[in-house]
Amino acid sequence: MGQLTTHVLDTMHGRPAAGMAVALWRQGDSAPLRELVLNADGRADGPLLSAAALQAGRYRLVFAVADYFRGAGVALPEPPFLGDVVIEFGLADAAAHYHVPLLVSPWSYSTYRGS
């Protein structure tokens, strides 16, 4: 059974990005599939998509980075260097596990296909 998961680490503070808002979009949709807030481990409480809801196609994860760092007491300039971090990616195999981690600070980010 395929699934899509994410995990965000706050590299400025060296901890999970607990409380960060995330939205998941499918390309072409006019509304997000999911909107959530990451738990204490910087993860969703379950898969973002799984089973029949996980379909091959193009997707977008939008991470509210500036709001998260402001909420953590970081003084950001206006406008912040990073506001929302948008990761667009493709899912080719609906039976596979796709993990999209994000390592983020107010000034940089990195992602990759995790396991």
PDB file of N, CA and C in Angstrom:
ATOM      1  N   MET A   1       0.846  -1.183   0.000  1.00  0.00           N
ATOM      2  CA  MET A   1       0.000   0.000   0.000  1.00  0.00           C
ATOM      3  C   MET A   1       0.885   1.238   0.000  1.00  0.00           C
ATOM      4  N   GLY A   2       0.642   2.138  -0.926  1.00  0.00           N
ATOM      5  CA  GLY A   2       1.435   3.359  -1.017  1.00  0.00           C
ATOM      6  C   GLY A   2       1.010   4.392   0.007  1.00  0.00           C
ATOM      7  N   GLN A   3       1.959   5.276   0.295  1.00  0.00           N
ATOM      8  CA  GLN A   3       1.637   6.395   1.177  1.00  0.00           C
ATOM      9  C   GLN A   3       2.596   7.541   0.943  1.00  0.00           C
ATOM     10  N   LEU A   4       2.152   8.727   1.333  1.00  0.00           N
ATOM     11  CA  LEU A   4       2.938   9.953   1.267  1.00  0.00           C
ATOM     12  C   LEU A   4       3.074  10.494   2.677  1.00  0.00           C
ATOM     13  N   THR A   5       4.325  10.757   3.094  1.00  0.00           N
ATOM     14  CA  THR A   5       4.588  11.301   4.424  1.00  0.00           C
ATOM     15  C   THR A   5       5.568  12.462   4.321  1.00  0.00           C
ATOM     16  N   THR A   6       5.663  13.236   5.392  1.00  0.00           N
ATOM     17  CA  THR A   6       6.625  14.334   5.461  1.00  0.00           C
ATOM     18  C   THR A   6       7.155  14.452   6.885  1.00  0.00           C
ATOM     19  N   HIS A   7       8.272  15.145   7.008  1.00  0.00           N
ATOM     20  CA  HIS A   7       8.913  15.382   8.303  1.00  0.00           C
ATOM     21  C   HIS A   7       9.716  16.666   8.149  1.00  0.00           C
ATOM     22  N   VAL A   8       9.593  17.604   9.094  1.00  0.00           N
ATOM     23  CA  VAL A   8      10.316  18.871   8.994  1.00  0.00           C
ATOM     24  C   VAL A   8      11.210  19.044  10.218  1.00  0.00           C
ATOM     25  N   LEU A   9      12.473  19.361   9.951  1.00  0.00           N
ATOM     26  CA  LEU A   9      13.427  19.655  11.015  1.00  0.00           C
ATOM     27  C   LEU A   9      13.856  21.108  10.924  1.00  0.00           C
ATOM     28  N   ASP A  10      13.805  21.791  12.043  1.00  0.00           N
ATOM     29  CA  ASP A  10      14.227  23.184  12.199  1.00  0.00           C
ATOM     30  C   ASP A  10      15.736  23.150  12.450  1.00  0.00           C
ATOM     31  N   THR A  11      16.524  23.472  11.425  1.00  0.00           N
ATOM     32  CA  THR A  11      17.980  23.388  11.557  1.00  0.00           C
ATOM     33  C   THR A  11      18.567  24.580  12.306  1.00  0.00           C
ATOM     34  N   MET A  12      17.807  25.667  12.458  1.00  0.00           N
ATOM     35  CA  MET A  12      18.281  26.804  13.242  1.00  0.00           C
ATOM     36  C   MET A  12      18.370  26.432  14.721  1.00  0.00           C
ATOM     37  N   HIS A  13      17.356  25.728  15.198  1.00  0.00           N
ATOM     38  CA  HIS A  13      17.283  25.380  16.613  1.00  0.00           C
ATOM     39  C   HIS A  13      17.661  23.930  16.897  1.00  0.00           C
ATOM     40  N   GLY A  14      17.857  23.124  15.846  1.00  0.00           N
ATOM     41  CA  GLY A  14      18.224  21.731  16.035  1.00  0.00           C
ATOM     42  C   GLY A  14      17.118  20.886  16.641  1.00  0.00           C
ATOM     43  N   ARG A  15      15.892  21.050  16.122  1.00  0.00           N
ATOM     44  CA  ARG A  15      14.749  20.315  16.678  1.00  0.00           C
ATOM     45  C   ARG A  15      13.678  20.127  15.602  1.00  0.00           C
ATOM     46  N   PRO A  16      12.704  19.257  15.865  1.00  0.00           N
ATOM     47  CA  PRO A  16      11.579  19.127  14.937  1.00  0.00           C
ATOM     48  C   PRO A  16      10.800  20.442  14.856  1.00  0.00           C
ATOM     49  N   ALA A  17      10.205  20.690  13.716  1.00  0.00           N
ATOM     50  CA  ALA A  17       9.431  21.923  13.499  1.00  0.00           C
ATOM     51  C   ALA A  17       7.987  21.721  13.957  1.00  0.00           C
ATOM     52  N   ALA A  18       7.817  21.479  15.244  1.00  0.00           N
ATOM     53  CA  ALA A  18       6.488  21.268  15.825  1.00  0.00           C
ATOM     54  C   ALA A  18       5.638  22.524  15.652  1.00  0.00           C
ATOM     55  N   GLY A  19       4.413  22.346  15.189  1.00  0.00           N
ATOM     56  CA  GLY A  19       3.496  23.465  15.033  1.00  0.00           C
ATOM     57  C   GLY A  19       3.525  24.127  13.669  1.00  0.00           C
ATOM     58  N   MET A  20       4.405  23.682  12.759  1.00  0.00           N
ATOM     59  CA  MET A  20       4.432  24.287  11.425  1.00  0.00           C
ATOM     60  C   MET A  20       3.189  23.864  10.640  1.00  0.00           C
ATOM     61  N   ALA A  21       2.552  24.817   9.972  1.00  0.00           N
ATOM     62  CA  ALA A  21       1.398  24.533   9.118  1.00  0.00           C
ATOM     63  C   ALA A  21       1.879  24.048   7.754  1.00  0.00           C
ATOM     64  N   VAL A  22       1.163  23.066   7.217  1.00  0.00           N
ATOM     65  CA  VAL A  22       1.492  22.468   5.927  1.00  0.00           C
ATOM     66  C   VAL A  22       0.201  22.267   5.145  1.00  0.00           C
ATOM     67  N   ALA A  23       0.269  22.504   3.843  1.00  0.00           N
ATOM     68  CA  ALA A  23      -0.867  22.223   2.962  1.00  0.00           C
ATOM     69  C   ALA A  23      -0.388  21.337   1.821  1.00  0.00           C
ATOM     70  N   LEU A  24      -1.205  20.373   1.448  1.00  0.00           N
ATOM     71  CA  LEU A  24      -0.919  19.466   0.338  1.00  0.00           C
ATOM     72  C   LEU A  24      -1.909  19.738  -0.778  1.00  0.00           C
ATOM     73  N   TRP A  25      -1.387  19.945  -1.983  1.00  0.00           N
ATOM     74  CA  TRP A  25      -2.198  20.224  -3.171  1.00  0.00           C
ATOM     75  C   TRP A  25      -1.919  19.187  -4.247  1.00  0.00           C
ATOM     76  N   ARG A  26      -2.901  18.844  -5.023  1.00  0.00           N
ATOM     77  CA  ARG A  26      -2.721  18.058  -6.245  1.00  0.00           C
ATOM     78  C   ARG A  26      -2.765  19.050  -7.400  1.00  0.00           C
ATOM     79  N   GLN A  27      -1.856  18.915  -8.357  1.00  0.00           N
ATOM     80  CA  GLN A  27      -1.803  19.845  -9.484  1.00  0.00           C
ATOM     81  C   GLN A  27      -3.158  19.916 -10.178  1.00  0.00           C
ATOM     82  N   GLY A  28      -3.595  21.134 -10.403  1.00  0.00           N
ATOM     83  CA  GLY A  28      -4.858  21.372 -11.082  1.00  0.00           C
ATOM     84  C   GLY A  28      -6.048  21.529 -10.162  1.00  0.00           C
ATOM     85  N   ASP A  29      -5.916  21.167  -8.889  1.00  0.00           N
ATOM     86  CA  ASP A  29      -7.029  21.313  -7.944  1.00  0.00           C
ATOM     87  C   ASP A  29      -7.134  22.763  -7.475  1.00  0.00           C
ATOM     88  N   SER A  30      -8.342  23.187  -7.169  1.00  0.00           N
ATOM     89  CA  SER A  30      -8.558  24.563  -6.710  1.00  0.00           C
ATOM     90  C   SER A  30      -8.537  24.692  -5.191  1.00  0.00           C
ATOM     91  N   ALA A  31      -8.432  23.584  -4.493  1.00  0.00           N
ATOM     92  CA  ALA A  31      -8.383  23.604  -3.022  1.00  0.00           C
ATOM     93  C   ALA A  31      -7.386  22.543  -2.556  1.00  0.00           C
ATOM     94  N   PRO A  32      -6.774  22.755  -1.412  1.00  0.00           N
ATOM     95  CA  PRO A  32      -5.824  21.746  -0.913  1.00  0.00           C
ATOM     96  C   PRO A  32      -6.521  20.434  -0.570  1.00  0.00           C
ATOM     97  N   LEU A  33      -5.772  19.335  -0.733  1.00  0.00           N
ATOM     98  CA  LEU A  33      -6.261  18.023  -0.318  1.00  0.00           C
ATOM     99  C   LEU A  33      -6.260  17.900   1.204  1.00  0.00           C
ATOM    100  N   ARG A  34      -5.226  18.489   1.821  1.00  0.00           N
ATOM    101  CA  ARG A  34      -5.061  18.437   3.274  1.00  0.00           C
ATOM    102  C   ARG A  34      -4.426  19.719   3.762  1.00  0.00           C
ATOM    103  N   GLU A  35      -4.817  20.146   4.936  1.00  0.00           N
ATOM    104  CA  GLU A  35      -4.156  21.226   5.669  1.00  0.00           C
ATOM    105  C   GLU A  35      -3.973  20.703   7.084  1.00  0.00           C
ATOM    106  N   LEU A  36      -2.766  20.858   7.622  1.00  0.00           N
ATOM    107  CA  LEU A  36      -2.483  20.287   8.920  1.00  0.00           C
ATOM    108  C   LEU A  36      -1.397  21.071   9.626  1.00  0.00           C
ATOM    109  N   VAL A  37      -1.226  20.774  10.893  1.00  0.00           N
ATOM    110  CA  VAL A  37      -0.151  21.329  11.713  1.00  0.00           C
ATOM    111  C   VAL A  37       0.689  20.157  12.185  1.00  0.00           C
ATOM    112  N   LEU A  38       2.009  20.275  12.048  1.00  0.00           N
ATOM    113  CA  LEU A  38       2.902  19.182  12.412  1.00  0.00           C
ATOM    114  C   LEU A  38       2.931  18.966  13.926  1.00  0.00           C
ATOM    115  N   ASN A  39       3.068  17.716  14.321  1.00  0.00           N
ATOM    116  CA  ASN A  39       3.067  17.357  15.738  1.00  0.00           C
ATOM    117  C   ASN A  39       4.430  17.632  16.390  1.00  0.00           C
ATOM    118  N   ALA A  40       4.593  17.213  17.628  1.00  0.00           N
ATOM    119  CA  ALA A  40       5.810  17.498  18.404  1.00  0.00           C
ATOM    120  C   ALA A  40       7.064  16.911  17.768  1.00  0.00           C
ATOM    121  N   ASP A  41       6.896  15.887  16.924  1.00  0.00           N
ATOM    122  CA  ASP A  41       8.027  15.268  16.238  1.00  0.00           C
ATOM    123  C   ASP A  41       8.270  15.896  14.864  1.00  0.00           C
ATOM    124  N   GLY A  42       7.515  16.960  14.525  1.00  0.00           N
ATOM    125  CA  GLY A  42       7.662  17.604  13.219  1.00  0.00           C
ATOM    126  C   GLY A  42       7.052  16.796  12.092  1.00  0.00           C
ATOM    127  N   ARG A  43       6.098  15.929  12.418  1.00  0.00           N
ATOM    128  CA  ARG A  43       5.458  15.054  11.435  1.00  0.00           C
ATOM    129  C   ARG A  43       3.941  15.238  11.475  1.00  0.00           C
ATOM    130  N   ALA A  44       3.286  14.784  10.410  1.00  0.00           N
ATOM    131  CA  ALA A  44       1.831  14.657  10.441  1.00  0.00           C
ATOM    132  C   ALA A  44       1.499  13.477  11.344  1.00  0.00           C
ATOM    133  N   ASP A  45       0.311  13.453  11.912  1.00  0.00           N
ATOM    134  CA  ASP A  45      -0.083  12.361  12.793  1.00  0.00           C
ATOM    135  C   ASP A  45      -0.308  11.046  12.049  1.00  0.00           C
ATOM    136  N   GLY A  46      -0.360  11.092  10.745  1.00  0.00           N
ATOM    137  CA  GLY A  46      -0.510   9.903   9.902  1.00  0.00           C
ATOM    138  C   GLY A  46      -0.083  10.263   8.499  1.00  0.00           C
ATOM    139  N   PRO A  47      -0.191   9.316   7.568  1.00  0.00           N
ATOM    140  CA  PRO A  47       0.175   9.628   6.184  1.00  0.00           C
ATOM    141  C   PRO A  47      -0.649  10.797   5.636  1.00  0.00           C
ATOM    142  N   LEU A  48      -0.025  11.605   4.784  1.00  0.00           N
ATOM    143  CA  LEU A  48      -0.750  12.688   4.115  1.00  0.00           C
ATOM    144  C   LEU A  48      -1.751  12.112   3.124  1.00  0.00           C
ATOM    145  N   LEU A  49      -1.339  11.060   2.454  1.00  0.00           N
ATOM    146  CA  LEU A  49      -2.203  10.309   1.544  1.00  0.00           C
ATOM    147  C   LEU A  49      -1.835   8.841   1.662  1.00  0.00           C
ATOM    148  N   SER A  50      -2.816   7.967   1.500  1.00  0.00           N
ATOM    149  CA  SER A  50      -2.548   6.537   1.475  1.00  0.00           C
ATOM    150  C   SER A  50      -3.684   5.839   0.750  1.00  0.00           C
ATOM    151  N   ALA A  51      -3.477   4.565   0.466  1.00  0.00           N
ATOM    152  CA  ALA A  51      -4.465   3.705  -0.179  1.00  0.00           C
ATOM    153  C   ALA A  51      -4.998   4.349  -1.464  1.00  0.00           C
ATOM    154  N   ALA A  52      -6.297   4.349  -1.627  1.00  0.00           N
ATOM    155  CA  ALA A  52      -6.909   4.851  -2.862  1.00  0.00           C
ATOM    156  C   ALA A  52      -6.726   6.348  -3.053  1.00  0.00           C
ATOM    157  N   ALA A  53      -6.511   7.089  -1.970  1.00  0.00           N
ATOM    158  CA  ALA A  53      -6.320   8.541  -2.080  1.00  0.00           C
ATOM    159  C   ALA A  53      -4.980   8.898  -2.721  1.00  0.00           C
ATOM    160  N   LEU A  54      -4.006   7.962  -2.680  1.00  0.00           N
ATOM    161  CA  LEU A  54      -2.696   8.207  -3.274  1.00  0.00           C
ATOM    162  C   LEU A  54      -2.747   7.782  -4.736  1.00  0.00           C
ATOM    163  N   GLN A  55      -2.672   8.764  -5.609  1.00  0.00           N
ATOM    164  CA  GLN A  55      -2.738   8.520  -7.047  1.00  0.00           C
ATOM    165  C   GLN A  55      -1.489   9.086  -7.702  1.00  0.00           C
ATOM    166  N   ALA A  56      -1.058   8.443  -8.781  1.00  0.00           N
ATOM    167  CA  ALA A  56       0.069   8.973  -9.548  1.00  0.00           C
ATOM    168  C   ALA A  56      -0.290  10.374 -10.028  1.00  0.00           C
ATOM    169  N   GLY A  57       0.701  11.257 -10.055  1.00  0.00           N
ATOM    170  CA  GLY A  57       0.463  12.614 -10.537  1.00  0.00           C
ATOM    171  C   GLY A  57       1.417  13.604  -9.910  1.00  0.00           C
ATOM    172  N   ARG A  58       1.168  14.878 -10.147  1.00  0.00           N
ATOM    173  CA  ARG A  58       1.985  15.975  -9.640  1.00  0.00           C
ATOM    174  C   ARG A  58       1.318  16.549  -8.399  1.00  0.00           C
ATOM    175  N   TYR A  59       2.148  16.843  -7.384  1.00  0.00           N
ATOM    176  CA  TYR A  59       1.666  17.367  -6.113  1.00  0.00           C
ATOM    177  C   TYR A  59       2.532  18.538  -5.670  1.00  0.00           C
ATOM    178  N   ARG A  60       2.028  19.250  -4.678  1.00  0.00           N
ATOM    179  CA  ARG A  60       2.753  20.392  -4.101  1.00  0.00           C
ATOM    180  C   ARG A  60       2.518  20.392  -2.591  1.00  0.00           C
ATOM    181  N   LEU A  61       3.611  20.467  -1.839  1.00  0.00           N
ATOM    182  CA  LEU A  61       3.546  20.696  -0.397  1.00  0.00           C
ATOM    183  C   LEU A  61       3.951  22.138  -0.136  1.00  0.00           C
ATOM    184  N   VAL A  62       3.172  22.840   0.669  1.00  0.00           N
ATOM    185  CA  VAL A  62       3.453  24.228   1.016  1.00  0.00           C
ATOM    186  C   VAL A  62       3.657  24.295   2.526  1.00  0.00           C
ATOM    187  N   PHE A  63       4.867  24.668   2.925  1.00  0.00           N
ATOM    188  CA  PHE A  63       5.258  24.741   4.332  1.00  0.00           C
ATOM    189  C   PHE A  63       5.302  26.207   4.760  1.00  0.00           C
ATOM    190  N   ALA A  64       4.591  26.582   5.806  1.00  0.00           N
ATOM    191  CA  ALA A  64       4.510  27.971   6.295  1.00  0.00           C
ATOM    192  C   ALA A  64       5.740  28.272   7.168  1.00  0.00           C
ATOM    193  N   VAL A  65       6.869  28.474   6.524  1.00  0.00           N
ATOM    194  CA  VAL A  65       8.162  28.613   7.205  1.00  0.00           C
ATOM    195  C   VAL A  65       8.254  29.915   8.003  1.00  0.00           C
ATOM    196  N   ALA A  66       7.942  31.047   7.395  1.00  0.00           N
ATOM    197  CA  ALA A  66       8.065  32.329   8.108  1.00  0.00           C
ATOM    198  C   ALA A  66       7.139  32.372   9.312  1.00  0.00           C
ATOM    199  N   ASP A  67       5.902  31.920   9.159  1.00  0.00           N
ATOM    200  CA  ASP A  67       4.968  31.908  10.290  1.00  0.00           C
ATOM    201  C   ASP A  67       5.503  31.031  11.421  1.00  0.00           C
ATOM    202  N   TYR A  68       6.079  29.894  11.066  1.00  0.00           N
ATOM    203  CA  TYR A  68       6.646  29.002  12.081  1.00  0.00           C
ATOM    204  C   TYR A  68       7.778  29.700  12.840  1.00  0.00           C
ATOM    205  N   PHE A  69       8.736  30.296  12.122  1.00  0.00           N
ATOM    206  CA  PHE A  69       9.873  30.917  12.807  1.00  0.00           C
ATOM    207  C   PHE A  69       9.452  32.148  13.605  1.00  0.00           C
ATOM    208  N   ARG A  70       8.496  32.923  13.101  1.00  0.00           N
ATOM    209  CA  ARG A  70       7.980  34.044  13.899  1.00  0.00           C
ATOM    210  C   ARG A  70       7.358  33.526  15.193  1.00  0.00           C
ATOM    211  N   GLY A  71       6.603  32.433  15.089  1.00  0.00           N
ATOM    212  CA  GLY A  71       5.989  31.837  16.260  1.00  0.00           C
ATOM    213  C   GLY A  71       7.004  31.291  17.256  1.00  0.00           C
ATOM    214  N   ALA A  72       8.203  30.975  16.755  1.00  0.00           N
ATOM    215  CA  ALA A  72       9.280  30.495  17.624  1.00  0.00           C
ATOM    216  C   ALA A  72      10.102  31.642  18.191  1.00  0.00           C
ATOM    217  N   GLY A  73       9.670  32.893  17.915  1.00  0.00           N
ATOM    218  CA  GLY A  73      10.342  34.061  18.478  1.00  0.00           C
ATOM    219  C   GLY A  73      11.512  34.586  17.675  1.00  0.00           C
ATOM    220  N   VAL A  74      11.659  34.129  16.433  1.00  0.00           N
ATOM    221  CA  VAL A  74      12.750  34.603  15.585  1.00  0.00           C
ATOM    222  C   VAL A  74      12.335  35.921  14.937  1.00  0.00           C
ATOM    223  N   ALA A  75      13.173  36.952  15.080  1.00  0.00           N
ATOM    224  CA  ALA A  75      12.909  38.251  14.444  1.00  0.00           C
ATOM    225  C   ALA A  75      13.287  38.143  12.974  1.00  0.00           C
ATOM    226  N   LEU A  76      12.292  38.199  12.105  1.00  0.00           N
ATOM    227  CA  LEU A  76      12.513  38.107  10.666  1.00  0.00           C
ATOM    228  C   LEU A  76      12.322  39.476  10.029  1.00  0.00           C
ATOM    229  N   PRO A  77      13.059  39.760   8.961  1.00  0.00           N
ATOM    230  CA  PRO A  77      12.830  41.015   8.240  1.00  0.00           C
ATOM    231  C   PRO A  77      11.493  40.960   7.509  1.00  0.00           C
ATOM    232  N   GLU A  78      11.038  42.095   7.047  1.00  0.00           N
ATOM    233  CA  GLU A  78       9.804  42.156   6.261  1.00  0.00           C
ATOM    234  C   GLU A  78      10.128  42.701   4.882  1.00  0.00           C
ATOM    235  N   PRO A  79      10.003  41.948   3.836  1.00  0.00           N
ATOM    236  CA  PRO A  79       9.520  40.572   3.847  1.00  0.00           C
ATOM    237  C   PRO A  79      10.619  39.605   4.272  1.00  0.00           C
ATOM    238  N   PRO A  80      10.236  38.434   4.797  1.00  0.00           N
ATOM    239  CA  PRO A  80      11.248  37.455   5.185  1.00  0.00           C
ATOM    240  C   PRO A  80      11.918  36.863   3.944  1.00  0.00           C
ATOM    241  N   PHE A  81      13.129  36.368   4.119  1.00  0.00           N
ATOM    242  CA  PHE A  81      13.827  35.742   2.997  1.00  0.00           C
ATOM    243  C   PHE A  81      13.030  34.544   2.483  1.00  0.00           C
ATOM    244  N   LEU A  82      12.570  33.688   3.384  1.00  0.00           N
ATOM    245  CA  LEU A  82      11.689  32.577   3.026  1.00  0.00           C
ATOM    246  C   LEU A  82      10.342  32.800   3.692  1.00  0.00           C
ATOM    247  N   GLY A  83       9.298  32.831   2.901  1.00  0.00           N
ATOM    248  CA  GLY A  83       7.943  32.912   3.442  1.00  0.00           C
ATOM    249  C   GLY A  83       7.378  31.507   3.531  1.00  0.00           C
ATOM    250  N   ASP A  84       6.801  31.055   2.450  1.00  0.00           N
ATOM    251  CA  ASP A  84       6.368  29.665   2.319  1.00  0.00           C
ATOM    252  C   ASP A  84       7.411  28.931   1.489  1.00  0.00           C
ATOM    253  N   VAL A  85       7.732  27.717   1.865  1.00  0.00           N
ATOM    254  CA  VAL A  85       8.566  26.855   1.040  1.00  0.00           C
ATOM    255  C   VAL A  85       7.620  25.917   0.303  1.00  0.00           C
ATOM    256  N   VAL A  86       7.727  25.930  -1.021  1.00  0.00           N
ATOM    257  CA  VAL A  86       6.868  25.124  -1.878  1.00  0.00           C
ATOM    258  C   VAL A  86       7.727  24.037  -2.522  1.00  0.00           C
ATOM    259  N   ILE A  87       7.328  22.795  -2.338  1.00  0.00           N
ATOM    260  CA  ILE A  87       8.022  21.673  -2.960  1.00  0.00           C
ATOM    261  C   ILE A  87       7.041  21.008  -3.911  1.00  0.00           C
ATOM    262  N   GLU A  88       7.365  21.047  -5.201  1.00  0.00           N
ATOM    263  CA  GLU A  88       6.549  20.377  -6.210  1.00  0.00           C
ATOM    264  C   GLU A  88       7.241  19.084  -6.593  1.00  0.00           C
ATOM    265  N   PHE A  89       6.471  18.000  -6.675  1.00  0.00           N
ATOM    266  CA  PHE A  89       7.057  16.695  -6.921  1.00  0.00           C
ATOM    267  C   PHE A  89       6.046  15.801  -7.624  1.00  0.00           C
ATOM    268  N   GLY A  90       6.539  14.728  -8.203  1.00  0.00           N
ATOM    269  CA  GLY A  90       5.692  13.777  -8.890  1.00  0.00           C
ATOM    270  C   GLY A  90       5.681  12.434  -8.201  1.00  0.00           C
ATOM    271  N   LEU A  91       4.525  11.798  -8.200  1.00  0.00           N
ATOM    272  CA  LEU A  91       4.369  10.444  -7.691  1.00  0.00           C
ATOM    273  C   LEU A  91       4.053   9.553  -8.886  1.00  0.00           C
ATOM    274  N   ALA A  92       4.980   8.668  -9.217  1.00  0.00           N
ATOM    275  CA  ALA A  92       4.810   7.815 -10.389  1.00  0.00           C
ATOM    276  C   ALA A  92       4.150   6.480 -10.050  1.00  0.00           C
ATOM    277  N   ASP A  93       4.347   5.987  -8.833  1.00  0.00           N
ATOM    278  CA  ASP A  93       3.876   4.662  -8.440  1.00  0.00           C
ATOM    279  C   ASP A  93       2.984   4.783  -7.208  1.00  0.00           C
ATOM    280  N   ALA A  94       1.697   4.625  -7.386  1.00  0.00           N
ATOM    281  CA  ALA A  94       0.748   4.789  -6.278  1.00  0.00           C
ATOM    282  C   ALA A  94       0.892   3.701  -5.215  1.00  0.00           C
ATOM    283  N   ALA A  95       1.658   2.659  -5.489  1.00  0.00           N
ATOM    284  CA  ALA A  95       1.871   1.601  -4.505  1.00  0.00           C
ATOM    285  C   ALA A  95       3.145   1.821  -3.689  1.00  0.00           C
ATOM    286  N   ALA A  96       3.909   2.864  -4.005  1.00  0.00           N
ATOM    287  CA  ALA A  96       5.192   3.118  -3.333  1.00  0.00           C
ATOM    288  C   ALA A  96       5.012   4.048  -2.134  1.00  0.00           C
ATOM    289  N   HIS A  97       6.030   4.058  -1.257  1.00  0.00           N
ATOM    290  CA  HIS A  97       6.073   4.998  -0.144  1.00  0.00           C
ATOM    291  C   HIS A  97       6.913   6.188  -0.585  1.00  0.00           C
ATOM    292  N   TYR A  98       6.344   7.374  -0.532  1.00  0.00           N
ATOM    293  CA  TYR A  98       7.048   8.610  -0.840  1.00  0.00           C
ATOM    294  C   TYR A  98       7.153   9.420   0.449  1.00  0.00           C
ATOM    295  N   HIS A  99       8.388   9.734   0.840  1.00  0.00           N
ATOM    296  CA  HIS A  99       8.623  10.536   2.035  1.00  0.00           C
ATOM    297  C   HIS A  99       9.320  11.817   1.588  1.00  0.00           C
ATOM    298  N   VAL A 100       8.752  12.975   1.951  1.00  0.00           N
ATOM    299  CA  VAL A 100       9.298  14.278   1.538  1.00  0.00           C
ATOM    300  C   VAL A 100       9.725  15.036   2.787  1.00  0.00           C
ATOM    301  N   PRO A 101      10.992  14.873   3.206  1.00  0.00           N
ATOM    302  CA  PRO A 101      11.489  15.613   4.362  1.00  0.00           C
ATOM    303  C   PRO A 101      11.917  17.024   3.980  1.00  0.00           C
ATOM    304  N   LEU A 102      11.883  17.912   4.951  1.00  0.00           N
ATOM    305  CA  LEU A 102      12.331  19.292   4.757  1.00  0.00           C
ATOM    306  C   LEU A 102      13.242  19.664   5.922  1.00  0.00           C
ATOM    307  N   LEU A 103      14.441  20.117   5.601  1.00  0.00           N
ATOM    308  CA  LEU A 103      15.370  20.681   6.577  1.00  0.00           C
ATOM    309  C   LEU A 103      15.356  22.174   6.318  1.00  0.00           C
ATOM    310  N   VAL A 104      15.052  22.988   7.341  1.00  0.00           N
ATOM    311  CA  VAL A 104      14.784  24.399   7.071  1.00  0.00           C
ATOM    312  C   VAL A 104      15.280  25.318   8.185  1.00  0.00           C
ATOM    313  N   SER A 105      15.744  26.488   7.767  1.00  0.00           N
ATOM    314  CA  SER A 105      16.056  27.604   8.656  1.00  0.00           C
ATOM    315  C   SER A 105      15.379  28.820   8.033  1.00  0.00           C
ATOM    316  N   PRO A 106      15.469  29.991   8.645  1.00  0.00           N
ATOM    317  CA  PRO A 106      14.865  31.174   8.019  1.00  0.00           C
ATOM    318  C   PRO A 106      15.548  31.587   6.709  1.00  0.00           C
ATOM    319  N   TRP A 107      16.729  31.011   6.428  1.00  0.00           N
ATOM    320  CA  TRP A 107      17.505  31.453   5.264  1.00  0.00           C
ATOM    321  C   TRP A 107      17.831  30.357   4.265  1.00  0.00           C
ATOM    322  N   SER A 108      17.476  29.110   4.565  1.00  0.00           N
ATOM    323  CA  SER A 108      17.812  28.028   3.630  1.00  0.00           C
ATOM    324  C   SER A 108      16.918  26.829   3.873  1.00  0.00           C
ATOM    325  N   TYR A 109      16.869  25.954   2.850  1.00  0.00           N
ATOM    326  CA  TYR A 109      16.164  24.691   3.013  1.00  0.00           C
ATOM    327  C   TYR A 109      16.739  23.639   2.078  1.00  0.00           C
ATOM    328  N   SER A 110      16.465  22.399   2.426  1.00  0.00           N
ATOM    329  CA  SER A 110      16.905  21.253   1.624  1.00  0.00           C
ATOM    330  C   SER A 110      15.846  20.193   1.719  1.00  0.00           C
ATOM    331  N   THR A 111      15.676  19.438   0.633  1.00  0.00           N
ATOM    332  CA  THR A 111      14.734  18.332   0.622  1.00  0.00           C
ATOM    333  C   THR A 111      15.302  17.229  -0.240  1.00  0.00           C
ATOM    334  N   TYR A 112      14.682  16.073  -0.177  1.00  0.00           N
ATOM    335  CA  TYR A 112      15.089  14.916  -0.960  1.00  0.00           C
ATOM    336  C   TYR A 112      13.977  13.878  -0.847  1.00  0.00           C
ATOM    337  N   ARG A 113      14.047  12.832  -1.646  1.00  0.00           N
ATOM    338  CA  ARG A 113      13.077  11.741  -1.479  1.00  0.00           C
ATOM    339  C   ARG A 113      13.621  10.813  -0.415  1.00  0.00           C
ATOM    340  N   GLY A 114      12.969  10.797   0.712  1.00  0.00           N
ATOM    341  CA  GLY A 114      13.405   9.985   1.837  1.00  0.00           C
ATOM    342  C   GLY A 114      12.834   8.577   1.771  1.00  0.00           C
ATOM    343  N   SER A 115      13.055   7.847   2.835  1.00  0.00           N
ATOM    344  CA  SER A 115      12.571   6.459   2.884  1.00  0.00           C
ATOM    345  C   SER A 115      11.591   6.271   4.026  1.00  0.00           C
TER     346      SER A 115
END
